[in-house]
Amino acid sequence: GSLSGEYRIIVACRDATIYTIKNGKLTGRMIELETQLVDMRLVEKDILVATMDQCIHCYSFKGKKNYSIYVPAAITNLALMKLAKTRNFSGLLV
């Protein structure tokens, strides 16, 4: 038999917009950011986005903003940290 699985690609563009491609088709959902994007990470079913205005935004795959965190300094990059031996702890390094 043949296996078919669903996949999703999240694309961040230079026009400060995030697009979602699902199973090879561009969905109608897009996320328009207020400022330029610095870095982006996927955490389970959330999209974490760092922008040039010293802010980290969290969006769902459907494009709904969950929360924003403002930091006191410029963000250069994001990294995920997972500790499997301690009850599956995961965190975001800024």
Protein backbone atom coordinates (compact mmCIF):
# COMPACT_ATOMS: atom_id res chain seq x y z
CA GLY A 1 0.00 0.00 0.00
CA SER A 2 0.97 3.59 -0.24
CA LEU A 3 1.39 5.90 2.69
CA SER A 4 0.18 9.43 2.59
CA GLY A 5 0.88 11.88 5.34
CA GLU A 6 0.04 15.47 5.91
CA TYR A 7 2.77 18.05 6.14
CA ARG A 8 2.97 21.76 6.79
CA ILE A 9 5.64 24.28 5.78
CA ILE A 10 5.84 27.67 7.47
CA VAL A 11 7.49 30.36 5.32
CA ALA A 12 8.65 33.74 6.63
CA CYS A 13 9.14 36.35 3.90
CA ARG A 14 11.00 39.64 3.78
CA ASP A 15 7.76 41.60 3.62
CA ALA A 16 7.14 40.71 7.32
CA THR A 17 4.50 38.11 6.41
CA ILE A 18 4.34 34.44 7.40
CA TYR A 19 2.63 32.02 5.01
CA THR A 20 1.54 28.42 5.60
CA ILE A 21 1.79 25.69 2.96
CA LYS A 22 -0.20 22.58 3.80
CA ASN A 23 0.11 19.46 1.65
CA GLY A 24 1.63 21.46 -1.20
CA LYS A 25 -1.08 24.15 -1.29
CA LEU A 26 -0.86 27.70 0.00
CA THR A 27 -3.50 28.19 2.65
CA GLY A 28 -5.43 31.43 2.84
CA ARG A 29 -4.10 32.09 6.32
CA MET A 30 -1.21 34.50 6.63
CA ILE A 31 0.31 36.34 9.55
CA GLU A 32 1.26 39.96 8.98
CA LEU A 33 3.87 41.20 11.45
CA GLU A 34 4.24 44.79 12.61
CA THR A 35 8.03 44.84 12.12
CA GLN A 36 10.64 42.71 10.37
CA LEU A 37 11.21 39.16 11.54
CA VAL A 38 14.48 38.22 13.27
CA ASP A 39 13.95 34.50 13.94
CA MET A 40 11.18 31.92 14.03
CA ARG A 41 10.72 28.59 15.82
CA LEU A 42 7.96 25.99 15.90
CA VAL A 43 6.99 24.63 19.31
CA GLU A 44 4.38 21.87 19.16
CA LYS A 45 1.37 23.67 17.63
CA ASP A 46 2.65 27.22 18.05
CA ILE A 47 4.81 29.54 15.94
CA LEU A 48 7.18 31.69 18.01
CA VAL A 49 8.39 34.78 16.17
CA ALA A 50 11.07 37.25 17.30
CA THR A 51 10.79 40.68 15.69
CA MET A 52 13.05 43.72 15.44
CA ASP A 53 10.95 45.70 17.92
CA GLN A 54 12.33 43.57 20.80
CA CYS A 55 9.25 41.39 21.02
CA ILE A 56 8.46 37.67 20.89
CA HIS A 57 5.02 36.84 19.49
CA CYS A 58 3.28 33.48 19.69
CA TYR A 59 0.79 32.49 16.98
CA SER A 60 -1.28 29.38 16.39
CA PHE A 61 -1.10 27.62 13.01
CA LYS A 62 -4.44 29.25 12.17
CA GLY A 63 -2.87 32.71 12.54
CA LYS A 64 -4.37 33.71 15.89
CA LYS A 65 -2.02 35.64 18.19
CA ASN A 66 -1.78 33.88 21.55
CA TYR A 67 0.54 36.25 23.42
CA SER A 68 3.45 38.69 23.12
CA ILE A 69 6.49 39.10 25.35
CA TYR A 70 8.53 42.30 25.29
CA VAL A 71 12.23 42.01 26.18
CA PRO A 72 14.57 44.84 27.26
CA ALA A 73 17.24 44.29 24.58
CA ALA A 74 17.46 43.52 20.88
CA ILE A 75 16.86 39.87 19.94
CA THR A 76 19.53 38.26 17.76
CA ASN A 77 18.23 34.68 17.60
CA LEU A 78 16.03 32.04 19.24
CA ALA A 79 16.88 28.49 20.25
CA LEU A 80 14.76 25.68 21.67
CA MET A 81 15.92 23.79 24.73
CA LYS A 82 14.43 20.41 25.59
CA LEU A 83 15.30 18.30 28.60
CA ALA A 84 13.83 14.84 28.18
CA LYS A 85 14.98 13.44 31.51
CA THR A 86 13.17 16.05 33.58
CA ARG A 87 9.50 15.52 32.74
CA ASN A 88 9.93 16.71 29.15
CA PHE A 89 10.78 20.30 30.02
CA SER A 90 11.09 22.62 27.04
CA GLY A 91 12.08 26.25 26.93
CA LEU A 92 13.05 29.06 24.60
CA LEU A 93 16.50 30.63 24.77
CA VAL A 94 16.68 34.25 23.59
